[in-house]
PDB file of N, CA and C in Angstrom:
ATOM      1  N   MET A   1    -168.788 153.792  83.345  1.00  0.00           N
ATOM      2  CA  MET A   1    -169.614 152.605  83.262  1.00  0.00           C
ATOM      3  C   MET A   1    -168.777 151.464  82.691  1.00  0.00           C
ATOM      4  N   GLU A   2    -168.794 150.390  83.388  1.00  0.00           N
ATOM      5  CA  GLU A   2    -168.027 149.228  82.952  1.00  0.00           C
ATOM      6  C   GLU A   2    -168.901 148.342  82.065  1.00  0.00           C
ATOM      7  N   ILE A   3    -168.361 147.930  80.939  1.00  0.00           N
ATOM      8  CA  ILE A   3    -169.060 147.006  80.051  1.00  0.00           C
ATOM      9  C   ILE A   3    -168.674 145.593  80.476  1.00  0.00           C
ATOM     10  N   LYS A   4    -169.663 144.830  80.867  1.00  0.00           N
ATOM     11  CA  LYS A   4    -169.414 143.466  81.353  1.00  0.00           C
ATOM     12  C   LYS A   4    -169.511 142.466  80.214  1.00  0.00           C
ATOM     13  N   ARG A   5    -168.911 141.336  80.447  1.00  0.00           N
ATOM     14  CA  ARG A   5    -168.965 140.239  79.477  1.00  0.00           C
ATOM     15  C   ARG A   5    -170.410 139.863  79.172  1.00  0.00           C
ATOM     16  N   GLU A   6    -171.253 139.868  80.199  1.00  0.00           N
ATOM     17  CA  GLU A   6    -172.667 139.516  80.026  1.00  0.00           C
ATOM     18  C   GLU A   6    -173.371 140.509  79.094  1.00  0.00           C
ATOM     19  N   ASP A   7    -172.959 141.787  79.161  1.00  0.00           N
ATOM     20  CA  ASP A   7    -173.534 142.801  78.271  1.00  0.00           C
ATOM     21  C   ASP A   7    -173.213 142.473  76.809  1.00  0.00           C
ATOM     22  N   ILE A   8    -171.979 142.102  76.544  1.00  0.00           N
ATOM     23  CA  ILE A   8    -171.552 141.754  75.192  1.00  0.00           C
ATOM     24  C   ILE A   8    -172.304 140.521  74.703  1.00  0.00           C
ATOM     25  N   LEU A   9    -172.434 139.528  75.558  1.00  0.00           N
ATOM     26  CA  LEU A   9    -173.144 138.311  75.176  1.00  0.00           C
ATOM     27  C   LEU A   9    -174.618 138.601  74.908  1.00  0.00           C
ATOM     28  N   HIS A  10    -175.196 139.477  75.710  1.00  0.00           N
ATOM     29  CA  HIS A  10    -176.600 139.853  75.503  1.00  0.00           C
ATOM     30  C   HIS A  10    -176.779 140.572  74.167  1.00  0.00           C
ATOM     31  N   LEU A  11    -175.899 141.526  73.876  1.00  0.00           N
ATOM     32  CA  LEU A  11    -175.961 142.236  72.599  1.00  0.00           C
ATOM     33  C   LEU A  11    -175.745 141.285  71.422  1.00  0.00           C
ATOM     34  N   ALA A  12    -174.833 140.343  71.573  1.00  0.00           N
ATOM     35  CA  ALA A  12    -174.572 139.372  70.508  1.00  0.00           C
ATOM     36  C   ALA A  12    -175.803 138.503  70.274  1.00  0.00           C
ATOM     37  N   GLU A  13    -176.461 138.127  71.345  1.00  0.00           N
ATOM     38  CA  GLU A  13    -177.673 137.309  71.206  1.00  0.00           C
ATOM     39  C   GLU A  13    -178.786 138.101  70.521  1.00  0.00           C
ATOM     40  N   LEU A  14    -178.960 139.361  70.920  1.00  0.00           N
ATOM     41  CA  LEU A  14    -179.977 140.203  70.290  1.00  0.00           C
ATOM     42  C   LEU A  14    -179.687 140.416  68.804  1.00  0.00           C
ATOM     43  N   SER A  15    -178.400 140.481  68.455  1.00  0.00           N
ATOM     44  CA  SER A  15    -177.995 140.729  67.070  1.00  0.00           C
ATOM     45  C   SER A  15    -177.826 139.438  66.277  1.00  0.00           C
ATOM     46  N   ASP A  16    -178.006 138.309  66.949  1.00  0.00           N
ATOM     47  CA  ASP A  16    -177.823 136.995  66.319  1.00  0.00           C
ATOM     48  C   ASP A  16    -176.414 136.841  65.769  1.00  0.00           C
ATOM     49  N   PHE A  17    -175.410 137.244  66.600  1.00  0.00           N
ATOM     50  CA  PHE A  17    -174.003 137.131  66.236  1.00  0.00           C
ATOM     51  C   PHE A  17    -173.374 135.988  67.021  1.00  0.00           C
ATOM     52  N   SER A  18    -172.432 135.330  66.407  1.00  0.00           N
ATOM     53  CA  SER A  18    -171.592 134.367  67.106  1.00  0.00           C
ATOM     54  C   SER A  18    -170.233 135.028  67.288  1.00  0.00           C
ATOM     55  N   LEU A  19    -169.773 135.085  68.522  1.00  0.00           N
ATOM     56  CA  LEU A  19    -168.503 135.752  68.806  1.00  0.00           C
ATOM     57  C   LEU A  19    -167.528 134.786  69.445  1.00  0.00           C
ATOM     58  N   SER A  20    -166.266 134.910  69.055  1.00  0.00           N
ATOM     59  CA  SER A  20    -165.212 134.128  69.700  1.00  0.00           C
ATOM     60  C   SER A  20    -164.825 134.830  71.003  1.00  0.00           C
ATOM     61  N   GLU A  21    -164.061 134.148  71.812  1.00  0.00           N
ATOM     62  CA  GLU A  21    -163.605 134.740  73.076  1.00  0.00           C
ATOM     63  C   GLU A  21    -162.778 135.999  72.828  1.00  0.00           C
ATOM     64  N   ALA A  22    -161.946 135.959  71.785  1.00  0.00           N
ATOM     65  CA  ALA A  22    -161.112 137.125  71.458  1.00  0.00           C
ATOM     66  C   ALA A  22    -161.988 138.305  71.049  1.00  0.00           C
ATOM     67  N   GLU A  23    -163.042 138.035  70.274  1.00  0.00           N
ATOM     68  CA  GLU A  23    -163.940 139.106  69.843  1.00  0.00           C
ATOM     69  C   GLU A  23    -164.720 139.683  71.017  1.00  0.00           C
ATOM     70  N   ILE A  24    -165.124 138.834  71.941  1.00  0.00           N
ATOM     71  CA  ILE A  24    -165.845 139.303  73.130  1.00  0.00           C
ATOM     72  C   ILE A  24    -164.954 140.237  73.938  1.00  0.00           C
ATOM     73  N   THR A  25    -163.704 139.815  74.150  1.00  0.00           N
ATOM     74  CA  THR A  25    -162.763 140.631  74.911  1.00  0.00           C
ATOM     75  C   THR A  25    -162.490 141.962  74.210  1.00  0.00           C
ATOM     76  N   ALA A  26    -162.303 141.907  72.887  1.00  0.00           N
ATOM     77  CA  ALA A  26    -162.030 143.130  72.136  1.00  0.00           C
ATOM     78  C   ALA A  26    -163.230 144.071  72.166  1.00  0.00           C
ATOM     79  N   LEU A  27    -164.434 143.534  71.987  1.00  0.00           N
ATOM     80  CA  LEU A  27    -165.637 144.373  72.030  1.00  0.00           C
ATOM     81  C   LEU A  27    -165.845 144.977  73.409  1.00  0.00           C
ATOM     82  N   GLN A  28    -165.581 144.198  74.427  1.00  0.00           N
ATOM     83  CA  GLN A  28    -165.723 144.699  75.790  1.00  0.00           C
ATOM     84  C   GLN A  28    -164.800 145.900  76.007  1.00  0.00           C
ATOM     85  N   LYS A  29    -163.575 145.787  75.537  1.00  0.00           N
ATOM     86  CA  LYS A  29    -162.608 146.878  75.677  1.00  0.00           C
ATOM     87  C   LYS A  29    -163.024 148.075  74.823  1.00  0.00           C
ATOM     88  N   ASP A  30    -163.377 147.829  73.548  1.00  0.00           N
ATOM     89  CA  ASP A  30    -163.732 148.917  72.629  1.00  0.00           C
ATOM     90  C   ASP A  30    -164.984 149.661  73.092  1.00  0.00           C
ATOM     91  N   LEU A  31    -166.018 148.936  73.469  1.00  0.00           N
ATOM     92  CA  LEU A  31    -167.249 149.595  73.928  1.00  0.00           C
ATOM     93  C   LEU A  31    -167.011 150.365  75.224  1.00  0.00           C
ATOM     94  N   GLY A  32    -166.175 149.824  76.087  1.00  0.00           N
ATOM     95  CA  GLY A  32    -165.818 150.542  77.308  1.00  0.00           C
ATOM     96  C   GLY A  32    -165.141 151.865  76.999  1.00  0.00           C
ATOM     97  N   ASN A  33    -164.211 151.848  76.024  1.00  0.00           N
ATOM     98  CA  ASN A  33    -163.522 153.079  75.621  1.00  0.00           C
ATOM     99  C   ASN A  33    -164.489 154.082  74.999  1.00  0.00           C
ATOM    100  N   ILE A  34    -165.440 153.598  74.211  1.00  0.00           N
ATOM    101  CA  ILE A  34    -166.423 154.484  73.580  1.00  0.00           C
ATOM    102  C   ILE A  34    -167.287 155.157  74.639  1.00  0.00           C
ATOM    103  N   VAL A  35    -167.785 154.376  75.594  1.00  0.00           N
ATOM    104  CA  VAL A  35    -168.619 154.935  76.661  1.00  0.00           C
ATOM    105  C   VAL A  35    -167.817 155.923  77.495  1.00  0.00           C
ATOM    106  N   LYS A  36    -166.560 155.596  77.783  1.00  0.00           N
ATOM    107  CA  LYS A  36    -165.694 156.496  78.555  1.00  0.00           C
ATOM    108  C   LYS A  36    -165.487 157.812  77.800  1.00  0.00           C
ATOM    109  N   TYR A  37    -165.273 157.733  76.494  1.00  0.00           N
ATOM    110  CA  TYR A  37    -165.058 158.928  75.676  1.00  0.00           C
ATOM    111  C   TYR A  37    -166.315 159.805  75.669  1.00  0.00           C
ATOM    112  N   ILE A  38    -167.462 159.195  75.467  1.00  0.00           N
ATOM    113  CA  ILE A  38    -168.715 159.949  75.420  1.00  0.00           C
ATOM    114  C   ILE A  38    -169.065 160.534  76.790  1.00  0.00           C
ATOM    115  N   SER A  39    -168.711 159.847  77.848  1.00  0.00           N
ATOM    116  CA  SER A  39    -169.039 160.339  79.192  1.00  0.00           C
ATOM    117  C   SER A  39    -168.281 161.628  79.527  1.00  0.00           C
ATOM    118  N   GLN A  40    -167.266 161.967  78.746  1.00  0.00           N
ATOM    119  CA  GLN A  40    -166.562 163.230  78.956  1.00  0.00           C
ATOM    120  C   GLN A  40    -167.507 164.417  78.755  1.00  0.00           C
ATOM    121  N   LEU A  41    -168.562 164.216  77.987  1.00  0.00           N
ATOM    122  CA  LEU A  41    -169.534 165.293  77.764  1.00  0.00           C
ATOM    123  C   LEU A  41    -170.236 165.701  79.066  1.00  0.00           C
ATOM    124  N   ASP A  42    -170.324 164.767  80.012  1.00  0.00           N
ATOM    125  CA  ASP A  42    -170.951 165.083  81.299  1.00  0.00           C
ATOM    126  C   ASP A  42    -170.179 166.157  82.068  1.00  0.00           C
ATOM    127  N   GLU A  43    -168.899 166.324  81.756  1.00  0.00           N
ATOM    128  CA  GLU A  43    -168.062 167.283  82.464  1.00  0.00           C
ATOM    129  C   GLU A  43    -168.226 168.706  81.950  1.00  0.00           C
ATOM    130  N   LEU A  44    -168.870 168.879  80.803  1.00  0.00           N
ATOM    131  CA  LEU A  44    -169.030 170.207  80.224  1.00  0.00           C
ATOM    132  C   LEU A  44    -170.045 171.026  81.007  1.00  0.00           C
ATOM    133  N   ASP A  45    -169.720 172.315  81.196  1.00  0.00           N
ATOM    134  CA  ASP A  45    -170.656 173.239  81.830  1.00  0.00           C
ATOM    135  C   ASP A  45    -171.529 173.841  80.729  1.00  0.00           C
ATOM    136  N   VAL A  46    -172.796 173.458  80.707  1.00  0.00           N
ATOM    137  CA  VAL A  46    -173.703 173.934  79.663  1.00  0.00           C
ATOM    138  C   VAL A  46    -174.778 174.857  80.241  1.00  0.00           C
ATOM    139  N   GLU A  47    -174.518 175.370  81.415  1.00  0.00           N
ATOM    140  CA  GLU A  47    -175.462 176.293  82.055  1.00  0.00           C
ATOM    141  C   GLU A  47    -175.658 177.522  81.172  1.00  0.00           C
ATOM    142  N   GLY A  48    -176.885 177.800  80.812  1.00  0.00           N
ATOM    143  CA  GLY A  48    -177.203 178.974  80.005  1.00  0.00           C
ATOM    144  C   GLY A  48    -176.981 178.806  78.513  1.00  0.00           C
ATOM    145  N   VAL A  49    -176.587 177.626  78.088  1.00  0.00           N
ATOM    146  CA  VAL A  49    -176.351 177.387  76.661  1.00  0.00           C
ATOM    147  C   VAL A  49    -177.646 176.863  76.050  1.00  0.00           C
ATOM    148  N   GLU A  50    -178.098 177.553  75.002  1.00  0.00           N
ATOM    149  CA  GLU A  50    -179.315 177.126  74.321  1.00  0.00           C
ATOM    150  C   GLU A  50    -179.050 175.841  73.529  1.00  0.00           C
ATOM    151  N   PRO A  51    -179.989 174.919  73.537  1.00  0.00           N
ATOM    152  CA  PRO A  51    -179.816 173.696  72.734  1.00  0.00           C
ATOM    153  C   PRO A  51    -179.729 174.029  71.255  1.00  0.00           C
ATOM    154  N   THR A  52    -178.893 173.288  70.550  1.00  0.00           N
ATOM    155  CA  THR A  52    -178.743 173.476  69.117  1.00  0.00           C
ATOM    156  C   THR A  52    -179.499 172.363  68.408  1.00  0.00           C
ATOM    157  N   TYR A  53    -180.502 172.763  67.667  1.00  0.00           N
ATOM    158  CA  TYR A  53    -181.283 171.781  66.926  1.00  0.00           C
ATOM    159  C   TYR A  53    -180.798 171.676  65.489  1.00  0.00           C
ATOM    160  N   GLN A  54    -180.205 172.729  65.010  1.00  0.00           N
ATOM    161  CA  GLN A  54    -179.768 172.768  63.627  1.00  0.00           C
ATOM    162  C   GLN A  54    -178.588 173.731  63.544  1.00  0.00           C
ATOM    163  N   VAL A  55    -177.549 173.326  62.862  1.00  0.00           N
ATOM    164  CA  VAL A  55    -176.354 174.168  62.832  1.00  0.00           C
ATOM    165  C   VAL A  55    -176.346 175.142  61.661  1.00  0.00           C
ATOM    166  N   PHE A  56    -177.172 174.915  60.665  1.00  0.00           N
ATOM    167  CA  PHE A  56    -177.245 175.817  59.520  1.00  0.00           C
ATOM    168  C   PHE A  56    -178.540 176.607  59.591  1.00  0.00           C
ATOM    169  N   GLU A  57    -178.492 177.821  59.123  1.00  0.00           N
ATOM    170  CA  GLU A  57    -179.697 178.639  59.058  1.00  0.00           C
ATOM    171  C   GLU A  57    -180.521 178.175  57.865  1.00  0.00           C
ATOM    172  N   MET A  58    -181.458 177.289  58.147  1.00  0.00           N
ATOM    173  CA  MET A  58    -182.304 176.767  57.081  1.00  0.00           C
ATOM    174  C   MET A  58    -183.759 176.901  57.515  1.00  0.00           C
ATOM    175  N   GLU A  59    -184.621 177.013  56.547  1.00  0.00           N
ATOM    176  CA  GLU A  59    -186.037 177.030  56.862  1.00  0.00           C
ATOM    177  C   GLU A  59    -186.781 176.338  55.735  1.00  0.00           C
ATOM    178  N   ASN A  60    -187.938 175.807  56.064  1.00  0.00           N
ATOM    179  CA  ASN A  60    -188.742 175.138  55.052  1.00  0.00           C
ATOM    180  C   ASN A  60    -189.262 176.144  54.041  1.00  0.00           C
ATOM    181  N   VAL A  61    -189.287 175.721  52.812  1.00  0.00           N
ATOM    182  CA  VAL A  61    -189.848 176.549  51.757  1.00  0.00           C
ATOM    183  C   VAL A  61    -191.195 175.945  51.409  1.00  0.00           C
ATOM    184  N   TRP A  62    -192.235 176.682  51.684  1.00  0.00           N
ATOM    185  CA  TRP A  62    -193.573 176.184  51.449  1.00  0.00           C
ATOM    186  C   TRP A  62    -194.117 176.778  50.164  1.00  0.00           C
ATOM    187  N   ARG A  63    -194.906 176.003  49.472  1.00  0.00           N
ATOM    188  CA  ARG A  63    -195.585 176.495  48.282  1.00  0.00           C
ATOM    189  C   ARG A  63    -196.974 175.877  48.254  1.00  0.00           C
ATOM    190  N   ASP A  64    -197.875 176.533  47.578  1.00  0.00           N
ATOM    191  CA  ASP A  64    -199.216 176.004  47.429  1.00  0.00           C
ATOM    192  C   ASP A  64    -199.198 174.847  46.441  1.00  0.00           C
ATOM    193  N   ASP A  65    -199.977 173.823  46.751  1.00  0.00           N
ATOM    194  CA  ASP A  65    -200.133 172.728  45.804  1.00  0.00           C
ATOM    195  C   ASP A  65    -201.009 173.201  44.660  1.00  0.00           C
ATOM    196  N   GLU A  66    -200.536 172.980  43.476  1.00  0.00           N
ATOM    197  CA  GLU A  66    -201.296 173.377  42.296  1.00  0.00           C
ATOM    198  C   GLU A  66    -201.472 172.176  41.377  1.00  0.00           C
ATOM    199  N   ILE A  67    -202.661 172.000  40.893  1.00  0.00           N
ATOM    200  CA  ILE A  67    -202.910 170.951  39.915  1.00  0.00           C
ATOM    201  C   ILE A  67    -202.701 171.569  38.543  1.00  0.00           C
ATOM    202  N   LYS A  68    -201.756 171.011  37.802  1.00  0.00           N
ATOM    203  CA  LYS A  68    -201.426 171.540  36.489  1.00  0.00           C
ATOM    204  C   LYS A  68    -201.857 170.540  35.418  1.00  0.00           C
ATOM    205  N   GLU A  69    -202.235 171.060  34.314  1.00  0.00           N
ATOM    206  CA  GLU A  69    -202.591 170.212  33.183  1.00  0.00           C
ATOM    207  C   GLU A  69    -201.356 169.471  32.691  1.00  0.00           C
ATOM    208  N   GLN A  70    -201.537 168.197  32.390  1.00  0.00           N
ATOM    209  CA  GLN A  70    -200.442 167.391  31.876  1.00  0.00           C
ATOM    210  C   GLN A  70    -200.525 167.344  30.363  1.00  0.00           C
ATOM    211  N   GLU A  71    -199.368 167.210  29.749  1.00  0.00           N
ATOM    212  CA  GLU A  71    -199.341 167.162  28.287  1.00  0.00           C
ATOM    213  C   GLU A  71    -199.926 165.861  27.755  1.00  0.00           C
ATOM    214  N   ALA A  72    -199.756 164.775  28.482  1.00  0.00           N
ATOM    215  CA  ALA A  72    -200.259 163.483  28.034  1.00  0.00           C
ATOM    216  C   ALA A  72    -201.567 163.175  28.758  1.00  0.00           C
ATOM    217  N   GLY A  73    -202.500 162.652  28.015  1.00  0.00           N
ATOM    218  CA  GLY A  73    -203.782 162.285  28.602  1.00  0.00           C
ATOM    219  C   GLY A  73    -203.778 160.846  29.077  1.00  0.00           C
ATOM    220  N   ARG A  74    -204.850 160.450  29.748  1.00  0.00           N
ATOM    221  CA  ARG A  74    -204.962 159.095  30.296  1.00  0.00           C
ATOM    222  C   ARG A  74    -204.797 158.044  29.197  1.00  0.00           C
ATOM    223  N   ASP A  75    -205.475 158.204  28.092  1.00  0.00           N
ATOM    224  CA  ASP A  75    -205.416 157.208  27.026  1.00  0.00           C
ATOM    225  C   ASP A  75    -204.006 157.080  26.452  1.00  0.00           C
ATOM    226  N   GLU A  76    -203.310 158.184  26.319  1.00  0.00           N
ATOM    227  CA  GLU A  76    -201.942 158.146  25.796  1.00  0.00           C
ATOM    228  C   GLU A  76    -201.008 157.428  26.762  1.00  0.00           C
ATOM    229  N   LEU A  77    -201.179 157.671  28.051  1.00  0.00           N
ATOM    230  CA  LEU A  77    -200.334 157.003  29.052  1.00  0.00           C
ATOM    231  C   LEU A  77    -200.649 155.519  29.129  1.00  0.00           C
ATOM    232  N   LEU A  78    -201.925 155.156  29.079  1.00  0.00           N
ATOM    233  CA  LEU A  78    -202.295 153.743  29.126  1.00  0.00           C
ATOM    234  C   LEU A  78    -201.790 153.005  27.891  1.00  0.00           C
ATOM    235  N   ALA A  79    -201.677 153.694  26.778  1.00  0.00           N
ATOM    236  CA  ALA A  79    -201.173 153.071  25.553  1.00  0.00           C
ATOM    237  C   ALA A  79    -199.693 152.693  25.690  1.00  0.00           C
ATOM    238  N   LEU A  80    -198.977 153.298  26.613  1.00  0.00           N
ATOM    239  CA  LEU A  80    -197.551 153.011  26.810  1.00  0.00           C
ATOM    240  C   LEU A  80    -197.313 151.777  27.680  1.00  0.00           C
ATOM    241  N   THR A  81    -198.352 151.277  28.345  1.00  0.00           N
ATOM    242  CA  THR A  81    -198.173 150.161  29.275  1.00  0.00           C
ATOM    243  C   THR A  81    -198.216 148.831  28.549  1.00  0.00           C
ATOM    244  N   LYS A  82    -197.649 147.800  29.177  1.00  0.00           N
ATOM    245  CA  LYS A  82    -197.693 146.457  28.601  1.00  0.00           C
ATOM    246  C   LYS A  82    -199.104 145.887  28.690  1.00  0.00           C
ATOM    247  N   GLU A  83    -199.738 146.124  29.846  1.00  0.00           N
ATOM    248  CA  GLU A  83    -201.058 145.539  30.057  1.00  0.00           C
ATOM    249  C   GLU A  83    -201.945 146.532  30.784  1.00  0.00           C
ATOM    250  N   GLU A  84    -203.200 146.567  30.384  1.00  0.00           N
ATOM    251  CA  GLU A  84    -204.143 147.526  30.965  1.00  0.00           C
ATOM    252  C   GLU A  84    -205.475 146.821  31.171  1.00  0.00           C
ATOM    253  N   LYS A  85    -206.132 147.145  32.287  1.00  0.00           N
ATOM    254  CA  LYS A  85    -207.431 146.533  32.580  1.00  0.00           C
ATOM    255  C   LYS A  85    -208.295 147.566  33.288  1.00  0.00           C
ATOM    256  N   ASP A  86    -209.506 147.737  32.857  1.00  0.00           N
ATOM    257  CA  ASP A  86    -210.456 148.670  33.459  1.00  0.00           C
ATOM    258  C   ASP A  86    -209.887 150.087  33.573  1.00  0.00           C
ATOM    259  N   ASN A  87    -209.225 150.522  32.534  1.00  0.00           N
ATOM    260  CA  ASN A  87    -208.666 151.870  32.493  1.00  0.00           C
ATOM    261  C   ASN A  87    -207.560 152.100  33.529  1.00  0.00           C
ATOM    262  N   GLN A  88    -206.879 151.011  33.934  1.00  0.00           N
ATOM    263  CA  GLN A  88    -205.787 151.103  34.896  1.00  0.00           C
ATOM    264  C   GLN A  88    -204.622 150.266  34.399  1.00  0.00           C
ATOM    265  N   ILE A  89    -203.426 150.603  34.885  1.00  0.00           N
ATOM    266  CA  ILE A  89    -202.237 149.835  34.522  1.00  0.00           C
ATOM    267  C   ILE A  89    -202.235 148.550  35.334  1.00  0.00           C
ATOM    268  N   LYS A  90    -202.088 147.412  34.647  1.00  0.00           N
ATOM    269  CA  LYS A  90    -202.054 146.126  35.331  1.00  0.00           C
ATOM    270  C   LYS A  90    -200.592 145.756  35.574  1.00  0.00           C
ATOM    271  N   VAL A  91    -200.299 145.423  36.825  1.00  0.00           N
ATOM    272  CA  VAL A  91    -198.933 145.061  37.192  1.00  0.00           C
ATOM    273  C   VAL A  91    -198.933 143.676  37.825  1.00  0.00           C
ATOM    274  N   PRO A  92    -197.793 142.981  37.845  1.00  0.00           N
ATOM    275  CA  PRO A  92    -197.738 141.657  38.467  1.00  0.00           C
ATOM    276  C   PRO A  92    -197.950 141.746  39.980  1.00  0.00           C
ATOM    277  N   LYS A  93    -198.461 140.674  40.546  1.00  0.00           N
ATOM    278  CA  LYS A  93    -198.634 140.615  41.997  1.00  0.00           C
ATOM    279  C   LYS A  93    -197.262 140.658  42.671  1.00  0.00           C
ATOM    280  N   VAL A  94    -197.192 141.347  43.772  1.00  0.00           N
ATOM    281  CA  VAL A  94    -195.966 141.419  44.565  1.00  0.00           C
ATOM    282  C   VAL A  94    -196.298 140.885  45.946  1.00  0.00           C
ATOM    283  N   LEU A  95    -195.687 139.792  46.302  1.00  0.00           N
ATOM    284  CA  LEU A  95    -195.970 139.183  47.613  1.00  0.00           C
ATOM    285  C   LEU A  95    -194.797 139.296  48.529  1.00  0.00           C
TER     286      LEU A  95
END
């Protein structure tokens, strides 16, 4: 697949980049080489090869959710805050 100058200009516009002529030429060459390198994968014979989703033998470790008693109560935690209103921690507005 050939990378055209128009492709580079389109990508630059989408990325809001300003490119010099030298940068356009260099990117055109570099992206062309990258696509050429990756296209080598098309030559591999993968008939009968199972897809690899994960290379390490890992599995999720599940546990039951448990509600545990906390050492500090609501009043003790609210006492640590700078400001409290209606039994809740008051924080500055974030816009």
